[in-house]
């Protein structure tokens, strides 16, 4: 099995609107994504996942 890194896609506009309507006073996780964006990428874990995958095989 081969895993390739994928970029994190932006939150769809409709999803963002619903989330903000569902939490009109805000939500720490929505705010975190809105203000900071992506915290981790697939590449951040590539060495770890490769190591774990190689142990299993």
PDB file of N, CA and C in Angstrom:
ATOM      1  N   UNK A   1       0.846  -1.175   0.000  1.00  0.00           N
ATOM      2  CA  UNK A   1       0.000   0.000   0.000  1.00  0.00           C
ATOM      3  C   UNK A   1       0.893   1.240   0.000  1.00  0.00           C
ATOM      4  N   UNK A   2       0.599   2.145  -0.866  1.00  0.00           N
ATOM      5  CA  UNK A   2       1.379   3.371  -0.971  1.00  0.00           C
ATOM      6  C   UNK A   2       0.526   4.560  -0.554  1.00  0.00           C
ATOM      7  N   UNK A   3       1.069   5.350   0.334  1.00  0.00           N
ATOM      8  CA  UNK A   3       0.341   6.539   0.780  1.00  0.00           C
ATOM      9  C   UNK A   3       1.110   7.767   0.330  1.00  0.00           C
ATOM     10  N   UNK A   4       0.416   8.669  -0.290  1.00  0.00           N
ATOM     11  CA  UNK A   4       1.028   9.895  -0.769  1.00  0.00           C
ATOM     12  C   UNK A   4       0.436  11.075  -0.016  1.00  0.00           C
ATOM     13  N   UNK A   5       1.246  12.062   0.308  1.00  0.00           N
ATOM     14  CA  UNK A   5       0.717  13.225   1.033  1.00  0.00           C
ATOM     15  C   UNK A   5      -0.275  14.004   0.177  1.00  0.00           C
ATOM     16  N   UNK A   6      -1.287  14.513   0.833  1.00  0.00           N
ATOM     17  CA  UNK A   6      -2.301  15.327   0.172  1.00  0.00           C
ATOM     18  C   UNK A   6      -2.403  16.661   0.892  1.00  0.00           C
ATOM     19  N   UNK A   7      -2.515  17.742   0.151  1.00  0.00           N
ATOM     20  CA  UNK A   7      -2.682  19.044   0.811  1.00  0.00           C
ATOM     21  C   UNK A   7      -4.049  19.125   1.492  1.00  0.00           C
ATOM     22  N   UNK A   8      -4.102  19.879   2.566  1.00  0.00           N
ATOM     23  CA  UNK A   8      -5.367  20.098   3.260  1.00  0.00           C
ATOM     24  C   UNK A   8      -6.167  21.109   2.453  1.00  0.00           C
ATOM     25  N   UNK A   9      -7.359  20.715   2.073  1.00  0.00           N
ATOM     26  CA  UNK A   9      -8.213  21.587   1.274  1.00  0.00           C
ATOM     27  C   UNK A   9      -8.861  22.644   2.165  1.00  0.00           C
ATOM     28  N   UNK A  10      -9.178  23.797   1.611  1.00  0.00           N
ATOM     29  CA  UNK A  10      -9.891  24.801   2.398  1.00  0.00           C
ATOM     30  C   UNK A  10     -11.290  24.298   2.754  1.00  0.00           C
ATOM     31  N   UNK A  11     -11.821  24.817   3.837  1.00  0.00           N
ATOM     32  CA  UNK A  11     -13.172  24.452   4.256  1.00  0.00           C
ATOM     33  C   UNK A  11     -14.145  25.015   3.224  1.00  0.00           C
ATOM     34  N   UNK A  12     -15.055  24.183   2.702  1.00  0.00           N
ATOM     35  CA  UNK A  12     -16.032  24.696   1.740  1.00  0.00           C
ATOM     36  C   UNK A  12     -16.853  25.838   2.344  1.00  0.00           C
ATOM     37  N   UNK A  13     -17.190  26.803   1.525  1.00  0.00           N
ATOM     38  CA  UNK A  13     -17.900  28.001   1.991  1.00  0.00           C
ATOM     39  C   UNK A  13     -19.204  27.652   2.705  1.00  0.00           C
ATOM     40  N   UNK A  14     -19.984  26.725   2.150  1.00  0.00           N
ATOM     41  CA  UNK A  14     -21.248  26.336   2.796  1.00  0.00           C
ATOM     42  C   UNK A  14     -21.003  25.720   4.169  1.00  0.00           C
ATOM     43  N   UNK A  15     -19.972  24.908   4.276  1.00  0.00           N
ATOM     44  CA  UNK A  15     -19.632  24.288   5.558  1.00  0.00           C
ATOM     45  C   UNK A  15     -19.241  25.346   6.577  1.00  0.00           C
ATOM     46  N   UNK A  16     -18.451  26.313   6.165  1.00  0.00           N
ATOM     47  CA  UNK A  16     -18.038  27.395   7.063  1.00  0.00           C
ATOM     48  C   UNK A  16     -19.243  28.206   7.519  1.00  0.00           C
ATOM     49  N   UNK A  17     -20.159  28.488   6.610  1.00  0.00           N
ATOM     50  CA  UNK A  17     -21.358  29.254   6.975  1.00  0.00           C
ATOM     51  C   UNK A  17     -22.196  28.500   7.997  1.00  0.00           C
ATOM     52  N   UNK A  18     -22.409  27.212   7.772  1.00  0.00           N
ATOM     53  CA  UNK A  18     -23.199  26.403   8.706  1.00  0.00           C
ATOM     54  C   UNK A  18     -22.516  26.337  10.067  1.00  0.00           C
ATOM     55  N   UNK A  19     -21.208  26.157  10.080  1.00  0.00           N
ATOM     56  CA  UNK A  19     -20.476  26.085  11.347  1.00  0.00           C
ATOM     57  C   UNK A  19     -20.599  27.387  12.126  1.00  0.00           C
ATOM     58  N   UNK A  20     -20.485  28.511  11.438  1.00  0.00           N
ATOM     59  CA  UNK A  20     -20.598  29.800  12.120  1.00  0.00           C
ATOM     60  C   UNK A  20     -22.031  30.073  12.573  1.00  0.00           C
ATOM     61  N   UNK A  21     -23.011  29.574  11.834  1.00  0.00           N
ATOM     62  CA  UNK A  21     -24.406  29.706  12.269  1.00  0.00           C
ATOM     63  C   UNK A  21     -24.693  28.797  13.464  1.00  0.00           C
ATOM     64  N   UNK A  22     -24.088  27.624  13.479  1.00  0.00           N
ATOM     65  CA  UNK A  22     -24.298  26.682  14.577  1.00  0.00           C
ATOM     66  C   UNK A  22     -23.652  27.163  15.873  1.00  0.00           C
ATOM     67  N   UNK A  23     -22.592  27.951  15.759  1.00  0.00           N
ATOM     68  CA  UNK A  23     -21.880  28.465  16.927  1.00  0.00           C
ATOM     69  C   UNK A  23     -21.751  29.982  16.818  1.00  0.00           C
ATOM     70  N   UNK A  24     -22.869  30.711  16.987  1.00  0.00           N
ATOM     71  CA  UNK A  24     -22.825  32.165  16.803  1.00  0.00           C
ATOM     72  C   UNK A  24     -21.900  32.885  17.790  1.00  0.00           C
ATOM     73  N   UNK A  25     -21.671  32.287  18.956  1.00  0.00           N
ATOM     74  CA  UNK A  25     -20.766  32.901  19.934  1.00  0.00           C
ATOM     75  C   UNK A  25     -19.325  32.459  19.715  1.00  0.00           C
ATOM     76  N   UNK A  26     -19.130  31.621  18.724  1.00  0.00           N
ATOM     77  CA  UNK A  26     -17.784  31.150  18.425  1.00  0.00           C
ATOM     78  C   UNK A  26     -17.521  29.768  18.987  1.00  0.00           C
ATOM     79  N   UNK A  27     -16.444  29.197  18.547  1.00  0.00           N
ATOM     80  CA  UNK A  27     -16.004  27.880  18.958  1.00  0.00           C
ATOM     81  C   UNK A  27     -14.487  27.872  18.831  1.00  0.00           C
ATOM     82  N   UNK A  28     -13.798  27.387  19.830  1.00  0.00           N
ATOM     83  CA  UNK A  28     -12.333  27.472  19.829  1.00  0.00           C
ATOM     84  C   UNK A  28     -11.695  26.774  18.630  1.00  0.00           C
ATOM     85  N   UNK A  29     -12.297  25.687  18.165  1.00  0.00           N
ATOM     86  CA  UNK A  29     -11.702  24.954  17.054  1.00  0.00           C
ATOM     87  C   UNK A  29     -11.952  25.642  15.716  1.00  0.00           C
ATOM     88  N   UNK A  30     -13.115  26.237  15.579  1.00  0.00           N
ATOM     89  CA  UNK A  30     -13.394  27.008  14.370  1.00  0.00           C
ATOM     90  C   UNK A  30     -12.477  28.227  14.327  1.00  0.00           C
ATOM     91  N   UNK A  31     -12.344  28.904  15.450  1.00  0.00           N
ATOM     92  CA  UNK A  31     -11.463  30.069  15.524  1.00  0.00           C
ATOM     93  C   UNK A  31     -10.024  29.675  15.219  1.00  0.00           C
ATOM     94  N   UNK A  32      -9.587  28.551  15.761  1.00  0.00           N
ATOM     95  CA  UNK A  32      -8.227  28.066  15.519  1.00  0.00           C
ATOM     96  C   UNK A  32      -7.983  27.864  14.028  1.00  0.00           C
ATOM     97  N   UNK A  33      -8.902  27.195  13.356  1.00  0.00           N
ATOM     98  CA  UNK A  33      -8.740  26.957  11.913  1.00  0.00           C
ATOM     99  C   UNK A  33      -8.823  28.270  11.133  1.00  0.00           C
ATOM    100  N   UNK A  34      -9.754  29.152  11.521  1.00  0.00           N
ATOM    101  CA  UNK A  34      -9.915  30.429  10.818  1.00  0.00           C
ATOM    102  C   UNK A  34      -8.679  31.313  10.942  1.00  0.00           C
ATOM    103  N   UNK A  35      -8.096  31.354  12.131  1.00  0.00           N
ATOM    104  CA  UNK A  35      -6.992  32.281  12.378  1.00  0.00           C
ATOM    105  C   UNK A  35      -5.617  31.706  12.062  1.00  0.00           C
ATOM    106  N   UNK A  36      -5.436  30.424  12.319  1.00  0.00           N
ATOM    107  CA  UNK A  36      -4.112  29.828  12.139  1.00  0.00           C
ATOM    108  C   UNK A  36      -4.032  29.001  10.861  1.00  0.00           C
ATOM    109  N   UNK A  37      -5.100  28.351  10.510  1.00  0.00           N
ATOM    110  CA  UNK A  37      -5.089  27.499   9.320  1.00  0.00           C
ATOM    111  C   UNK A  37      -4.635  26.095   9.667  1.00  0.00           C
ATOM    112  N   UNK A  38      -3.979  25.458   8.751  1.00  0.00           N
ATOM    113  CA  UNK A  38      -3.525  24.082   8.929  1.00  0.00           C
ATOM    114  C   UNK A  38      -2.370  24.035   9.924  1.00  0.00           C
ATOM    115  N   UNK A  39      -2.512  23.203  10.936  1.00  0.00           N
ATOM    116  CA  UNK A  39      -1.454  23.068  11.939  1.00  0.00           C
ATOM    117  C   UNK A  39      -0.421  22.024  11.532  1.00  0.00           C
ATOM    118  N   UNK A  40      -0.878  20.931  10.964  1.00  0.00           N
ATOM    119  CA  UNK A  40       0.010  19.838  10.591  1.00  0.00           C
ATOM    120  C   UNK A  40      -0.271  19.430   9.153  1.00  0.00           C
ATOM    121  N   UNK A  41       0.747  18.956   8.483  1.00  0.00           N
ATOM    122  CA  UNK A  41       0.589  18.433   7.130  1.00  0.00           C
ATOM    123  C   UNK A  41       0.981  16.961   7.130  1.00  0.00           C
ATOM    124  N   UNK A  42       0.653  16.257   6.070  1.00  0.00           N
ATOM    125  CA  UNK A  42       1.041  14.854   5.963  1.00  0.00           C
ATOM    126  C   UNK A  42       2.552  14.691   6.076  1.00  0.00           C
ATOM    127  N   UNK A  43       3.293  15.643   5.508  1.00  0.00           N
ATOM    128  CA  UNK A  43       4.749  15.552   5.537  1.00  0.00           C
ATOM    129  C   UNK A  43       5.300  15.578   6.963  1.00  0.00           C
ATOM    130  N   UNK A  44       4.581  16.234   7.881  1.00  0.00           N
ATOM    131  CA  UNK A  44       5.036  16.288   9.272  1.00  0.00           C
ATOM    132  C   UNK A  44       5.116  14.897   9.893  1.00  0.00           C
ATOM    133  N   UNK A  45       4.322  13.968   9.383  1.00  0.00           N
ATOM    134  CA  UNK A  45       4.254  12.635   9.964  1.00  0.00           C
ATOM    135  C   UNK A  45       4.864  11.560   9.066  1.00  0.00           C
ATOM    136  N   UNK A  46       5.428  11.942   7.945  1.00  0.00           N
ATOM    137  CA  UNK A  46       5.904  10.951   6.978  1.00  0.00           C
ATOM    138  C   UNK A  46       6.982  10.038   7.558  1.00  0.00           C
ATOM    139  N   UNK A  47       7.936  10.584   8.299  1.00  0.00           N
ATOM    140  CA  UNK A  47       8.986   9.743   8.884  1.00  0.00           C
ATOM    141  C   UNK A  47       8.409   8.772   9.903  1.00  0.00           C
ATOM    142  N   UNK A  48       7.504   9.246  10.737  1.00  0.00           N
ATOM    143  CA  UNK A  48       6.881   8.396  11.748  1.00  0.00           C
ATOM    144  C   UNK A  48       6.075   7.284  11.090  1.00  0.00           C
ATOM    145  N   UNK A  49       5.246   7.644  10.127  1.00  0.00           N
ATOM    146  CA  UNK A  49       4.406   6.645   9.475  1.00  0.00           C
ATOM    147  C   UNK A  49       5.237   5.643   8.691  1.00  0.00           C
ATOM    148  N   UNK A  50       6.295   6.104   8.044  1.00  0.00           N
ATOM    149  CA  UNK A  50       7.166   5.180   7.321  1.00  0.00           C
ATOM    150  C   UNK A  50       7.785   4.194   8.299  1.00  0.00           C
ATOM    151  N   UNK A  51       8.250   4.700   9.439  1.00  0.00           N
ATOM    152  CA  UNK A  51       8.863   3.838  10.455  1.00  0.00           C
ATOM    153  C   UNK A  51       7.844   2.812  10.956  1.00  0.00           C
ATOM    154  N   UNK A  52       6.640   3.247  11.285  1.00  0.00           N
ATOM    155  CA  UNK A  52       5.617   2.324  11.776  1.00  0.00           C
ATOM    156  C   UNK A  52       5.230   1.310  10.709  1.00  0.00           C
ATOM    157  N   UNK A  53       5.119   1.767   9.469  1.00  0.00           N
ATOM    158  CA  UNK A  53       4.752   0.875   8.380  1.00  0.00           C
ATOM    159  C   UNK A  53       5.838  -0.166   8.147  1.00  0.00           C
ATOM    160  N   UNK A  54       7.102   0.240   8.225  1.00  0.00           N
ATOM    161  CA  UNK A  54       8.199  -0.697   7.970  1.00  0.00           C
ATOM    162  C   UNK A  54       8.316  -1.737   9.084  1.00  0.00           C
ATOM    163  N   UNK A  55       7.913  -1.405  10.295  1.00  0.00           N
ATOM    164  CA  UNK A  55       7.937  -2.367  11.402  1.00  0.00           C
ATOM    165  C   UNK A  55       6.921  -3.479  11.157  1.00  0.00           C
ATOM    166  N   UNK A  56       5.774  -3.117  10.605  1.00  0.00           N
ATOM    167  CA  UNK A  56       4.695  -4.084  10.394  1.00  0.00           C
ATOM    168  C   UNK A  56       5.002  -5.047   9.260  1.00  0.00           C
ATOM    169  N   UNK A  57       5.889  -4.684   8.358  1.00  0.00           N
ATOM    170  CA  UNK A  57       6.161  -5.548   7.186  1.00  0.00           C
ATOM    171  C   UNK A  57       7.426  -6.328   7.352  1.00  0.00           C
TER     172      UNK A  57
END
